[in-house]
Structure formats: C-alpha cells, structure tokens
Amino acid sequence: MSGITLANSGLGAAHGIAAGLGALYGVPHGEACAIMLPHVMRLNLPVCTALYAEIGRTLCGQTFSDDGQAAKAAVKKIEDMCAYLSISPDLKHLFIKKEELVALAQASLGSSMSGNPVQLSVEEWVTFLEKLI
C-alpha cells in the first residue's frame, strides 16, 4: 500500500537525497529523509507556500495572519519534531568532504527528484548540500 501511495503522490528532494546518503554513506533511509525534510521544505517554500501553510495550521493548531507565517511555522514544527527525536539537524556528523558533494548530488538524482517542486542542476544541489556539511 505504501508503494501505491508513493507512486501516486510523488516524492521529492528529501527522498532523493536520502537515497544518495544511504547509497554512499550508509545512512538509514528514514533517518536521511528526516534530516533532509526541513531543509528541502525551506528550499521549496516559495513555490509551496499555500500547501505548507495548510500543514502549518494543522500541525500547530492555530491561526496565522498570513500564509507565509503559517508555512514557516510548518517548517519550524518539523525541525522541532526532528530535534525532539534526536534527528541530526544537518550532515556534519557524516564528515562529508566538499569534493564528495558532486557524487552525492548525482547519486540523489533518481526519479524522486522529478517530483520536487523546485528543480535544481547538479551544481545547484552541490551548493545546497554544501550548507549542510
């Protein structure tokens, strides 16, 4: 059932990068998805504001003055949940070297990336990932 759900809903960069992290660094897939989710949400925020606002209102159980605040609250809530679960907030613990980022970006470019609202080149993914190491 989960496969049917994933196939019909599409995936995104958190899942795509998690695949690369698993393949190259042995990071368990769920953990890698959790690490990447708030970062990818922040990247996608400008094009997903309305969706993230709905998520923020639901997760926080409150009203916000505008969609932007509610969307940012969604990202913050996910960050808080990850912290509560002791999920690393970045990739520093993996000691990834800058020169390895091209390989990680390329290993992340599976079909999951096609579902990400913001499309980036390999070079742009390297810049994105560089901030996390």
Protein backbone atom coordinates (compact mmCIF):
# COMPACT_ATOMS: atom_id res chain seq x y z
CA MET A 1 0.00 0.00 0.00
CA SER A 2 2.81 2.41 0.77
CA GLY A 3 4.25 1.81 -2.70
CA ILE A 4 0.92 2.66 -4.29
CA THR A 5 0.73 5.81 -2.20
CA LEU A 6 4.24 6.90 -3.12
CA ALA A 7 3.73 6.14 -6.79
CA ASN A 8 0.60 8.29 -6.91
CA SER A 9 1.66 11.18 -4.71
CA GLY A 10 5.19 11.66 -5.99
CA LEU A 11 8.30 12.12 -3.96
CA GLY A 12 10.82 14.91 -3.79
CA ALA A 13 14.31 16.01 -2.92
CA ALA A 14 14.26 14.83 0.71
CA HIS A 15 13.65 11.29 -0.55
CA GLY A 16 16.07 11.65 -3.47
CA ILE A 17 18.94 12.92 -1.36
CA ALA A 18 18.16 10.28 1.26
CA ALA A 19 18.73 7.64 -1.42
CA GLY A 20 22.16 9.11 -2.13
CA LEU A 21 23.00 9.33 1.57
CA GLY A 22 22.05 5.70 2.02
CA ALA A 23 23.99 4.50 -1.00
CA LEU A 24 27.18 6.44 -0.32
CA TYR A 25 27.23 6.81 3.49
CA GLY A 26 25.02 4.00 4.81
CA VAL A 27 22.53 6.39 6.44
CA PRO A 28 19.24 4.59 7.15
CA HIS A 29 16.63 5.84 4.68
CA GLY A 30 14.08 7.09 7.22
CA GLU A 31 16.74 8.95 9.16
CA ALA A 32 18.11 10.55 6.00
CA CYS A 33 14.61 11.63 4.93
CA ALA A 34 14.04 13.19 8.37
CA ILE A 35 17.37 15.05 8.26
CA MET A 36 16.65 16.43 4.81
CA LEU A 37 12.94 17.25 5.16
CA PRO A 38 13.14 20.67 6.85
CA HIS A 39 15.95 21.80 4.52
CA VAL A 40 14.05 20.74 1.41
CA MET A 41 10.85 22.30 2.75
CA ARG A 42 12.72 25.58 3.19
CA LEU A 43 14.01 25.31 -0.40
CA ASN A 44 10.51 24.62 -1.73
CA LEU A 45 8.77 27.18 0.49
CA PRO A 46 8.47 29.94 -2.14
CA VAL A 47 6.54 27.66 -4.51
CA CYS A 48 4.67 25.66 -1.86
CA THR A 49 3.52 28.43 0.47
CA ALA A 50 -0.20 27.62 0.35
CA LEU A 51 0.37 23.88 0.88
CA TYR A 52 2.86 24.44 3.69
CA ALA A 53 0.51 26.99 5.25
CA GLU A 54 -2.19 24.34 5.46
CA ILE A 55 0.30 21.95 7.03
CA GLY A 56 1.42 24.65 9.49
CA ARG A 57 -2.13 25.42 10.57
CA THR A 58 -2.84 21.71 11.06
CA LEU A 59 0.39 20.88 12.90
CA CYS A 60 0.32 23.96 15.10
CA GLY A 61 -3.43 24.01 15.68
CA GLN A 62 -3.64 27.77 15.40
CA THR A 63 -4.45 30.57 13.02
CA PHE A 64 -1.83 32.79 11.44
CA SER A 65 -2.13 36.26 9.97
CA ASP A 66 -0.95 35.07 6.55
CA ASP A 67 0.10 32.00 4.61
CA GLY A 68 3.78 32.92 4.80
CA GLN A 69 3.80 32.78 8.60
CA ALA A 70 1.83 29.54 8.64
CA ALA A 71 4.17 27.96 6.05
CA LYS A 72 7.26 28.94 8.05
CA ALA A 73 5.59 27.51 11.16
CA ALA A 74 5.24 24.18 9.33
CA VAL A 75 8.98 24.05 8.66
CA LYS A 76 9.73 25.05 12.27
CA LYS A 77 7.39 22.37 13.59
CA ILE A 78 9.14 19.70 11.50
CA GLU A 79 12.51 20.96 12.79
CA ASP A 80 11.20 20.81 16.37
CA MET A 81 9.88 17.27 15.86
CA CYS A 82 13.26 16.17 14.47
CA ALA A 83 15.07 17.75 17.43
CA TYR A 84 12.69 16.01 19.85
CA LEU A 85 13.54 12.70 18.16
CA SER A 86 17.28 13.47 18.24
CA ILE A 87 17.49 13.61 14.45
CA SER A 88 20.62 15.43 13.32
CA PRO A 89 19.83 18.92 12.02
CA ASP A 90 22.43 18.66 9.23
CA LEU A 91 25.02 16.34 7.68
CA LYS A 92 28.04 17.40 9.72
CA HIS A 93 28.17 14.10 11.63
CA LEU A 94 28.90 12.26 8.36
CA PHE A 95 32.14 14.19 7.73
CA ILE A 96 31.33 14.54 4.04
CA LYS A 97 34.08 16.33 2.17
CA LYS A 98 33.26 19.11 -0.31
CA GLU A 99 34.85 17.12 -3.10
CA GLU A 100 32.34 14.30 -2.45
CA LEU A 101 29.29 16.50 -2.98
CA VAL A 102 29.14 16.08 -6.75
CA ALA A 103 28.94 12.30 -6.31
CA LEU A 104 26.25 12.72 -3.63
CA ALA A 105 24.24 15.10 -5.82
CA GLN A 106 24.49 12.71 -8.76
CA ALA A 107 23.53 9.72 -6.58
CA SER A 108 20.47 11.70 -5.47
CA LEU A 109 19.10 12.36 -8.96
CA GLY A 110 16.78 9.37 -9.20
CA SER A 111 13.12 9.57 -10.16
CA SER A 112 12.24 11.06 -6.75
CA MET A 113 13.78 14.37 -7.78
CA SER A 114 11.33 14.77 -10.66
CA GLY A 115 8.58 15.25 -8.08
CA ASN A 116 10.34 18.09 -6.28
CA PRO A 117 8.65 21.47 -6.83
CA VAL A 118 11.99 23.24 -7.23
CA GLN A 119 14.25 21.73 -9.87
CA LEU A 120 17.98 22.28 -9.46
CA SER A 121 21.02 21.32 -11.51
CA VAL A 122 23.76 19.09 -10.07
CA GLU A 123 25.82 22.21 -9.36
CA GLU A 124 22.90 23.84 -7.54
CA TRP A 125 22.34 20.68 -5.46
CA VAL A 126 26.04 20.74 -4.56
CA THR A 127 25.66 24.34 -3.32
CA PHE A 128 22.53 23.32 -1.38
CA LEU A 129 24.29 20.35 0.23
CA GLU A 130 27.45 22.33 0.97
CA LYS A 131 25.49 24.37 3.52
CA LEU A 132 24.63 21.17 5.40
CA ILE A 133 28.15 19.80 5.82
